[in-house]
Amino acid sequence: MTARSTFGKRIRAAKPRDKYYDLWDETVSGLGLRIGPSGQRSFFLRRKLPTGKVRSVTLGSADRMSVAEARREARRVLATLLDMPEEGRGPRHPGRPMAEFAEEFLERYARHWKPATLESSTLALRKYILPALGDLAVDEIAVEHVRDWFASMADRPGTANRSMPVLSVMMRMAELWGYRPHNSNPCKNTRRYRMKPMERFLTADEMARLNAVLTRDEFHCPREVAVIRLLLLTGCRVGEIVSLEWGWIKGKRILLPDSKSGPRTVWLSSAARAVIDAIPRYGDDCALLFPARPPDRPTVTVPHQWDRIRREAGLDGLRLHDLRHNWASVAAMNGVDLVTIAKLLGHALVETTERYAHLSDRSVADAADRVSSRIQAALTGHGRKREGGAGHADG
């Protein structure tokens, strides 16, 4: 069996584990596939340079790149790495116009992004980056240019914060492809604007009001009500629910073939499974749970109905995505650890889940208060006595 077929076969047979692990190609030295606990799979190249330093470069998702494509990209990147100039030396190809480099960057780097990310990044590049920096050569862009450009969008902090990572990865790839000196990214150490948190969590009273409206509307718009209930009960993203297919549902699990962080499993509670069981099937030849008309694409009516439902429930300003945050907040306040919450939400990095840490701390503090109160009551003689006469602080 050839090395090529062995690598491909091992990739197909590989399953997620509790921790990240790597598979290595026998054909291209240093080419590997990293598999995460969520099922995310990414090709990468790791090589030791003549300088003694070890460099790792992510090549792209295995969902959108074949083994053959990964090998071709690895060989191209490898040639660049081995020809990397010594630190402090100039680029191999100086004077590349930023406008020309932008087109090359989009062509070569697009495979690393999902369609939605590619669309938003292309918009940021064409609308915000090139108008400010497009007249410069790639190796002319300095820290001062980046600082002035970023400051010019102080009145649009969200736009600035979304555009900065795009410019940063462009500069990083410019180094790798020989258009800038090594280790010269002018975006390094640029602090993003502080943003007001947009997360909204529901109180018990608010959830009761929302449920009352949903229950009332189950016959008026059953499809949209089912979507909203599943968002509440699973913590999934809106796109993950509206695009659900019957074949992905296996007992008390949903096996999503793709998500923002790659393939993942969604665990269904009994309540969530009951919602799915009550959804009528459009037809045996329709794969979607929530089809539009024609039924070959997902429904697009949920946002419209949600605007009305949230107003009638007295929840103006509550976004559909906030139902995902609400699910995570309830989990954190009920003592679920952040690693588990991250896995359940499909976060590739636990750091993404750390916004709920204060809620987790609150639940622990509440538990400590309850335990201490019981002990104090027992110490002062106010604790209830169990049968048999022994005094205990009941838990």
Protein backbone atom coordinates (compact mmCIF):
# COMPACT_ATOMS: atom_id res chain seq x y z
CA MET A 1 0.00 0.00 0.00
CA THR A 2 1.41 3.39 -0.94
CA ALA A 3 2.13 6.15 1.56
CA ARG A 4 -0.45 8.33 -0.16
CA SER A 5 -3.28 5.85 0.34
CA THR A 6 -2.15 5.08 3.89
CA PHE A 7 -2.41 8.73 4.96
CA GLY A 8 -5.81 9.13 3.36
CA LYS A 9 -7.09 5.92 4.90
CA ARG A 10 -5.87 6.88 8.36
CA ILE A 11 -7.56 10.27 8.02
CA ARG A 12 -10.88 8.70 7.10
CA ALA A 13 -10.68 6.27 10.01
CA ALA A 14 -9.59 8.84 12.61
CA LYS A 15 -12.06 9.73 15.37
CA PRO A 16 -12.04 12.72 17.78
CA ARG A 17 -10.43 12.14 21.17
CA ASP A 18 -10.48 14.05 24.45
CA LYS A 19 -7.39 16.00 23.40
CA TYR A 20 -5.90 17.26 20.12
CA TYR A 21 -3.71 14.76 18.28
CA ASP A 22 -1.83 14.63 14.98
CA LEU A 23 -1.51 12.23 12.04
CA TRP A 24 1.60 12.50 9.84
CA ASP A 25 2.03 12.01 6.11
CA GLU A 26 4.69 9.63 4.87
CA THR A 27 5.04 11.38 1.51
CA VAL A 28 5.69 15.03 2.42
CA SER A 29 7.91 15.39 5.47
CA GLY A 30 6.32 17.65 8.08
CA LEU A 31 2.79 17.50 6.65
CA GLY A 32 0.27 16.57 9.30
CA LEU A 33 -3.41 16.61 10.14
CA ARG A 34 -4.52 17.92 13.54
CA ILE A 35 -7.80 16.52 14.91
CA GLY A 36 -9.58 18.36 17.72
CA PRO A 37 -12.02 17.10 20.37
CA SER A 38 -14.88 18.76 18.45
CA GLY A 39 -13.97 16.83 15.28
CA GLN A 40 -12.33 19.81 13.57
CA ARG A 41 -9.56 18.67 11.18
CA SER A 42 -6.85 20.94 9.80
CA PHE A 43 -3.81 20.23 7.65
CA PHE A 44 -0.56 21.87 8.78
CA LEU A 45 3.13 21.88 7.90
CA ARG A 46 5.84 21.78 10.58
CA ARG A 47 9.51 21.98 9.64
CA LYS A 48 12.80 22.87 11.26
CA LEU A 49 14.47 25.74 9.40
CA PRO A 50 18.20 26.02 8.69
CA THR A 51 18.33 28.63 11.47
CA GLY A 52 17.26 25.95 13.96
CA LYS A 53 13.79 27.41 14.51
CA VAL A 54 10.71 25.25 14.08
CA ARG A 55 7.89 26.78 12.02
CA SER A 56 4.29 25.58 11.87
CA VAL A 57 1.89 26.78 9.18
CA THR A 58 -1.82 25.95 8.98
CA LEU A 59 -2.70 24.93 5.44
CA GLY A 60 -6.49 24.62 5.64
CA SER A 61 -9.48 22.58 6.77
CA ALA A 62 -9.61 18.93 5.74
CA ASP A 63 -13.31 19.48 4.99
CA ARG A 64 -12.38 21.67 2.02
CA MET A 65 -8.93 20.37 1.09
CA SER A 66 -8.03 16.91 -0.17
CA VAL A 67 -4.81 15.10 0.73
CA ALA A 68 -3.43 15.83 -2.74
CA GLU A 69 -4.22 19.55 -2.40
CA ALA A 70 -2.66 19.61 1.06
CA ARG A 71 0.52 18.06 -0.32
CA ARG A 72 0.73 20.60 -3.15
CA GLU A 73 0.23 23.49 -0.74
CA ALA A 74 2.74 21.98 1.71
CA ARG A 75 5.41 21.74 -1.00
CA ARG A 76 4.79 25.34 -2.05
CA VAL A 77 4.95 26.59 1.53
CA LEU A 78 7.97 24.41 2.22
CA ALA A 79 9.88 26.03 -0.64
CA THR A 80 9.10 29.43 0.86
CA LEU A 81 10.13 28.39 4.37
CA LEU A 82 13.46 26.99 3.26
CA ASP A 83 14.13 30.15 1.28
CA MET A 84 13.15 32.39 4.21
CA PRO A 85 15.56 35.31 4.59
CA GLU A 86 17.47 35.68 7.82
CA GLU A 87 15.70 37.70 10.48
CA GLY A 88 16.27 41.41 9.95
CA ARG A 89 16.91 41.05 6.20
CA GLY A 90 14.62 42.50 3.56
CA PRO A 91 11.94 40.66 1.55
CA ARG A 92 12.84 38.49 -1.43
CA HIS A 93 10.26 40.27 -3.61
CA PRO A 94 10.15 43.94 -2.52
CA GLY A 95 7.77 46.54 -3.88
CA ARG A 96 4.72 44.34 -4.43
CA PRO A 97 1.76 46.80 -4.68
CA MET A 98 -0.78 46.25 -1.94
CA ALA A 99 -3.69 46.30 -4.43
CA GLU A 100 -2.11 43.48 -6.47
CA PHE A 101 -1.16 41.52 -3.38
CA ALA A 102 -4.77 41.72 -2.14
CA GLU A 103 -6.00 39.82 -5.19
CA GLU A 104 -3.28 37.19 -4.82
CA PHE A 105 -4.07 36.89 -1.11
CA LEU A 106 -7.78 36.28 -1.72
CA GLU A 107 -7.01 33.67 -4.37
CA ARG A 108 -4.46 31.76 -2.31
CA TYR A 109 -5.94 32.12 1.16
CA ALA A 110 -9.67 31.70 0.44
CA ARG A 111 -9.58 27.95 1.16
CA HIS A 112 -8.79 28.68 4.82
CA TRP A 113 -12.13 30.43 5.34
CA LYS A 114 -15.69 29.27 5.31
CA PRO A 115 -17.99 31.07 2.84
CA ALA A 116 -19.42 33.52 5.38
CA THR A 117 -15.95 34.40 6.72
CA LEU A 118 -14.61 34.79 3.18
CA GLU A 119 -17.47 37.14 2.33
CA SER A 120 -17.00 39.34 5.42
CA SER A 121 -13.20 39.37 5.06
CA THR A 122 -13.41 40.31 1.39
CA LEU A 123 -15.77 43.16 2.30
CA ALA A 124 -13.37 44.41 4.98
CA LEU A 125 -10.46 44.23 2.54
CA ARG A 126 -12.16 46.08 -0.31
CA LYS A 127 -14.14 48.62 1.72
CA TYR A 128 -11.84 49.48 4.61
CA ILE A 129 -8.28 48.24 4.06
CA LEU A 130 -7.52 48.99 0.40
CA PRO A 131 -8.96 52.54 0.38
CA ALA A 132 -6.51 53.42 3.16
CA LEU A 133 -3.46 51.30 2.31
CA GLY A 134 -3.93 50.25 -1.31
CA ASP A 135 -1.48 52.83 -2.72
CA LEU A 136 1.44 51.48 -0.67
CA ALA A 137 3.76 48.59 -1.41
CA VAL A 138 3.28 45.61 0.89
CA ASP A 139 6.71 46.02 2.49
CA GLU A 140 6.14 49.78 3.00
CA ILE A 141 3.24 49.32 5.41
CA ALA A 142 4.56 50.20 8.85
CA VAL A 143 3.21 50.34 12.38
CA GLU A 144 2.40 54.05 11.93
CA HIS A 145 0.22 53.35 8.89
CA VAL A 146 -1.70 50.66 10.74
CA ARG A 147 -2.09 52.83 13.83
CA ASP A 148 -3.45 55.79 11.83
CA TRP A 149 -5.77 53.55 9.82
CA PHE A 150 -7.14 51.89 12.96
CA ALA A 151 -7.60 55.26 14.69
CA SER A 152 -9.55 56.60 11.70
CA MET A 153 -12.30 54.08 12.51
CA ALA A 154 -12.62 54.98 16.19
CA ASP A 155 -16.27 55.92 15.57
CA ARG A 156 -16.85 52.41 14.14
CA PRO A 157 -15.09 50.20 16.70
CA GLY A 158 -16.84 47.00 15.61
CA THR A 159 -15.80 47.54 11.99
CA ALA A 160 -12.24 48.30 13.07
CA ASN A 161 -12.03 45.23 15.28
CA ARG A 162 -13.30 42.96 12.49
CA SER A 163 -10.97 44.47 9.88
CA MET A 164 -7.76 44.32 11.91
CA PRO A 165 -7.46 40.48 11.91
CA VAL A 166 -7.88 40.48 8.11
CA LEU A 167 -5.00 42.93 7.67
CA SER A 168 -2.92 41.04 10.21
CA VAL A 169 -3.25 37.70 8.41
CA MET A 170 -2.45 39.44 5.12
CA MET A 171 0.78 40.78 6.59
CA ARG A 172 1.62 37.38 8.05
CA MET A 173 1.16 35.68 4.68
CA ALA A 174 3.13 38.47 2.99
CA GLU A 175 6.08 37.50 5.20
CA LEU A 176 5.63 33.84 4.37
CA TRP A 177 5.40 34.50 0.62
CA GLY A 178 8.47 36.75 0.61
CA TYR A 179 6.86 40.21 0.20
CA ARG A 180 7.83 41.47 3.66
CA PRO A 181 10.80 40.92 5.98
CA HIS A 182 10.46 38.07 8.43
CA ASN A 183 8.84 38.94 11.78
CA SER A 184 7.72 42.39 10.62
CA ASN A 185 3.92 42.25 10.99
CA PRO A 186 2.90 45.88 11.66
CA CYS A 187 -0.38 44.76 13.25
CA LYS A 188 1.32 43.12 16.21
CA ASN A 189 0.44 44.54 19.62
CA THR A 190 -2.42 46.66 18.25
CA ARG A 191 -5.09 46.65 20.94
CA ARG A 192 -8.65 46.37 19.77
CA TYR A 193 -11.37 48.74 20.85
CA ARG A 194 -13.31 47.79 23.94
CA MET A 195 -16.83 46.82 22.99
CA LYS A 196 -19.93 46.82 25.12
CA PRO A 197 -20.97 43.17 25.62
CA MET A 198 -24.00 42.32 23.48
CA GLU A 199 -24.92 39.15 25.33
CA ARG A 200 -28.36 39.12 26.91
CA PHE A 201 -29.49 36.52 29.42
CA LEU A 202 -33.10 35.78 30.24
CA THR A 203 -34.56 35.80 33.72
CA ALA A 204 -36.97 33.07 34.78
CA ASP A 205 -39.86 35.52 34.36
CA GLU A 206 -38.71 36.45 30.84
CA MET A 207 -38.42 32.80 29.84
CA ALA A 208 -41.93 32.19 31.14
CA ARG A 209 -43.29 35.12 29.09
CA LEU A 210 -41.50 33.87 25.97
CA ASN A 211 -42.83 30.37 26.48
CA ALA A 212 -46.39 31.71 26.83
CA VAL A 213 -46.18 33.43 23.42
CA LEU A 214 -44.57 30.38 21.81
CA THR A 215 -47.28 28.10 23.19
CA ARG A 216 -49.98 30.42 21.91
CA ASP A 217 -48.39 30.54 18.42
CA GLU A 218 -47.76 26.82 17.96
CA PHE A 219 -50.64 26.55 15.48
CA HIS A 220 -50.08 29.96 13.88
CA CYS A 221 -46.39 29.41 12.95
CA PRO A 222 -45.38 25.92 14.17
CA ARG A 223 -42.17 25.74 12.12
CA GLU A 224 -40.76 28.98 13.54
CA VAL A 225 -41.86 28.08 17.09
CA ALA A 226 -40.06 24.72 16.81
CA VAL A 227 -36.87 26.44 15.63
CA ILE A 228 -36.96 28.89 18.56
CA ARG A 229 -37.62 26.11 21.08
CA LEU A 230 -34.65 24.13 19.76
CA LEU A 231 -32.44 27.22 20.01
CA LEU A 232 -33.52 27.59 23.63
CA LEU A 233 -33.00 23.90 24.48
CA THR A 234 -29.75 23.13 22.61
CA GLY A 235 -27.65 26.31 22.56
CA CYS A 236 -27.11 25.82 18.82
CA ARG A 237 -26.48 28.60 16.35
CA VAL A 238 -29.45 29.71 14.25
CA GLY A 239 -27.92 28.42 11.02
CA GLU A 240 -27.31 25.01 12.57
CA ILE A 241 -30.99 24.58 13.48
CA VAL A 242 -32.71 25.98 10.38
CA SER A 243 -30.54 23.81 8.10
CA LEU A 244 -31.09 20.56 10.05
CA GLU A 245 -31.61 17.39 8.03
CA TRP A 246 -33.45 14.29 9.20
CA GLY A 247 -30.47 12.07 8.45
CA TRP A 248 -28.33 13.97 10.96
CA ILE A 249 -30.55 13.03 13.90
CA LYS A 250 -29.45 9.82 15.60
CA GLY A 251 -31.42 9.07 18.76
CA LYS A 252 -30.59 11.74 21.31
CA ARG A 253 -27.82 13.25 19.18
CA ILE A 254 -27.55 15.53 16.18
CA LEU A 255 -24.44 14.79 14.12
CA LEU A 256 -23.69 18.10 12.40
CA PRO A 257 -21.41 17.43 9.41
CA ASP A 258 -20.23 21.05 9.52
CA SER A 259 -20.47 24.04 11.84
CA LYS A 260 -18.47 27.17 12.57
CA SER A 261 -15.83 25.03 14.29
CA GLY A 262 -16.18 21.96 12.04
CA PRO A 263 -18.18 18.72 12.49
CA ARG A 264 -19.67 18.30 15.95
CA THR A 265 -22.25 16.41 18.00
CA VAL A 266 -25.23 18.17 19.59
CA TRP A 267 -26.69 16.28 22.54
CA LEU A 268 -30.48 16.40 22.78
CA SER A 269 -32.36 16.59 26.06
CA SER A 270 -35.69 14.80 26.33
CA ALA A 271 -37.45 18.14 25.85
CA ALA A 272 -35.47 18.94 22.69
CA ARG A 273 -36.05 15.46 21.30
CA ALA A 274 -39.79 15.89 21.95
CA VAL A 275 -39.78 19.08 19.88
CA ILE A 276 -38.17 17.22 16.97
CA ASP A 277 -40.57 14.28 17.28
CA ALA A 278 -43.52 16.67 16.92
CA ILE A 279 -42.27 18.19 13.64
CA PRO A 280 -44.24 16.86 10.66
CA ARG A 281 -42.14 15.65 7.76
CA TYR A 282 -42.67 17.56 4.51
CA GLY A 283 -42.17 14.44 2.43
CA ASP A 284 -40.02 11.35 2.16
CA ASP A 285 -37.85 13.03 -0.47
CA CYS A 286 -37.32 16.19 1.62
CA ALA A 287 -34.18 16.00 3.79
CA LEU A 288 -34.81 19.24 5.71
CA LEU A 289 -36.69 19.57 9.00
CA PHE A 290 -37.57 23.19 8.21
CA PRO A 291 -37.85 23.51 4.41
CA ALA A 292 -38.74 26.65 2.52
CA ARG A 293 -40.74 26.74 -0.70
CA PRO A 294 -39.49 25.08 -2.83
CA PRO A 295 -38.36 22.56 -0.18
CA ASP A 296 -34.78 22.24 -1.44
CA ARG A 297 -33.51 25.00 0.84
CA PRO A 298 -33.98 25.95 4.52
CA THR A 299 -36.67 28.33 5.72
CA VAL A 300 -35.87 32.05 5.92
CA THR A 301 -38.97 33.19 7.83
CA VAL A 302 -37.71 32.72 11.39
CA PRO A 303 -36.21 36.24 11.88
CA HIS A 304 -39.47 37.88 10.76
CA GLN A 305 -41.60 35.85 13.18
CA TRP A 306 -39.02 36.30 15.94
CA ASP A 307 -39.32 40.09 15.74
CA ARG A 308 -43.03 39.80 16.45
CA ILE A 309 -42.71 37.09 19.11
CA ARG A 310 -40.09 38.93 21.14
CA ARG A 311 -42.11 42.17 21.07
CA GLU A 312 -45.26 40.40 22.24
CA ALA A 313 -43.25 38.72 25.02
CA GLY A 314 -41.90 42.13 26.12
CA LEU A 315 -38.35 41.22 25.09
CA ASP A 316 -37.46 44.03 22.70
CA GLY A 317 -33.81 43.92 21.65
CA LEU A 318 -33.40 40.21 22.36
CA ARG A 319 -31.59 38.57 19.42
CA LEU A 320 -32.02 34.99 18.32
CA HIS A 321 -28.30 34.47 19.02
CA ASP A 322 -28.91 35.56 22.62
CA LEU A 323 -30.80 32.28 23.14
CA ARG A 324 -27.43 30.54 22.68
CA HIS A 325 -25.85 32.81 25.29
CA ASN A 326 -28.81 32.16 27.59
CA TRP A 327 -28.31 28.39 27.30
CA ALA A 328 -24.63 28.76 28.23
CA SER A 329 -25.41 31.08 31.13
CA VAL A 330 -27.92 28.62 32.61
CA ALA A 331 -25.34 25.84 32.28
CA ALA A 332 -22.67 27.95 34.01
CA MET A 333 -24.98 29.00 36.84
CA ASN A 334 -25.87 25.35 37.43
CA GLY A 335 -22.30 24.30 37.97
CA VAL A 336 -21.38 22.93 34.52
CA ASP A 337 -17.64 23.50 34.02
CA LEU A 338 -16.41 25.70 31.18
CA VAL A 339 -14.65 22.86 29.33
CA THR A 340 -17.93 20.94 29.13
CA ILE A 341 -19.87 24.05 28.10
CA ALA A 342 -17.31 24.70 25.35
CA LYS A 343 -17.72 21.15 24.06
CA LEU A 344 -21.51 21.34 24.15
CA LEU A 345 -21.54 24.69 22.34
CA GLY A 346 -18.99 23.58 19.74
CA HIS A 347 -16.40 26.20 20.69
CA ALA A 348 -13.02 25.33 19.18
CA LEU A 349 -11.27 27.15 22.04
CA VAL A 350 -12.26 27.17 25.71
CA GLU A 351 -11.18 30.83 25.77
CA THR A 352 -14.32 31.61 23.76
CA THR A 353 -16.40 30.26 26.64
CA GLU A 354 -14.63 32.27 29.34
CA ARG A 355 -17.21 35.08 29.05
CA TYR A 356 -19.41 32.84 31.24
CA ALA A 357 -16.76 32.33 33.92
CA HIS A 358 -18.29 34.95 36.23
CA LEU A 359 -21.61 33.11 36.07
CA SER A 360 -19.90 29.84 36.95
CA ASP A 361 -18.14 31.58 39.87
CA ARG A 362 -21.50 32.91 41.04
CA SER A 363 -22.99 29.41 41.15
CA VAL A 364 -19.99 28.15 43.14
CA ALA A 365 -20.26 31.11 45.54
CA ASP A 366 -23.98 30.43 46.01
CA ALA A 367 -23.23 26.79 46.74
CA ALA A 368 -20.58 27.79 49.29
CA ASP A 369 -23.09 30.09 50.98
CA ARG A 370 -25.69 27.32 51.18
CA VAL A 371 -23.23 24.83 52.66
CA SER A 372 -21.86 27.34 55.17
CA SER A 373 -25.38 28.33 56.20
CA ARG A 374 -26.25 24.70 56.90
CA ILE A 375 -23.11 24.20 58.97
CA GLN A 376 -23.68 27.44 60.89
CA ALA A 377 -27.25 26.40 61.62
CA ALA A 378 -26.00 23.08 62.97
CA LEU A 379 -23.32 24.76 65.09
CA THR A 380 -25.83 27.10 66.66
CA GLY A 381 -28.29 24.30 67.36
CA HIS A 382 -30.81 25.30 64.68
CA GLY A 383 -30.10 22.44 62.27
CA ARG A 384 -32.84 19.91 61.69
CA LYS A 385 -32.36 16.47 63.16
CA ARG A 386 -32.58 13.33 61.15
CA GLU A 387 -34.24 10.16 62.34
CA GLY A 388 -32.20 8.41 65.00
CA GLY A 389 -31.44 11.62 66.87
CA ALA A 390 -28.16 12.55 65.16
CA GLY A 391 -27.88 16.27 64.35
CA HIS A 392 -26.84 17.10 60.76
CA ALA A 393 -26.65 20.14 58.49
CA ASP A 394 -28.95 18.93 55.74
CA GLY A 395 -27.63 19.33 52.19
